[in-house]
Amino acid sequence: MHVIIAILIIIITLVAMEAFSWLIHKYLFHGPLWFIHKSHHKPHSSWFEFNDIFSILFGGISLYLMWDGRESQNTGFWIGVGISVYGLIYFIFHDWFIHNRFKSFKTTNAYLLGIRRAHKIHHKSMDKNPAEEFGLLLASGKYFRKQKTDPST
């Protein structure tokens, strides 16, 4: 497969994963799958939480697509790569930068601070509802406006 097409498939998959993640986060994780996802909204002492099962599921789908298309490097292979790249972005942004599963890094980047603020607002509610801001990489513009202090730091 031509390199440009492979890159386009990966980029389209990243965009689709953000939209898909927003939808399933809002309508499934904060809906019928709350019994799993609530572990992410409650304080816990373990490094792992029940909610991590979703990451394992998406990782498995990604690995299957790459394994299945490994010889021909077909469209499914590159979709699997895109899902993996989104998973890596999720790990860096969500688990490391926002939730400090590792020592967090400091930043003055307005975009990163806005994403952090939006996610902190999402976690303000420890219950299924009300909740807002379900995206990982996209959030309402109000979180990106200059604030005197960053409430998430």
Foldseek 3Di string as FASTA:
>chain_A
DDPVVLVVLLVVLLVVCQVVQLVCVLDPCLHVVVVQNLQVLDDDDDLDGSVCVVVVVLLVCLVVQLVVCVPVCDSSNSSSVSSVVNSVVCCVLPVCAQVNSDPHDDDPDLQSLLLNLLVVQQSVDSHSDDGDDRGRRDDDPVSSDDDPDRVRD
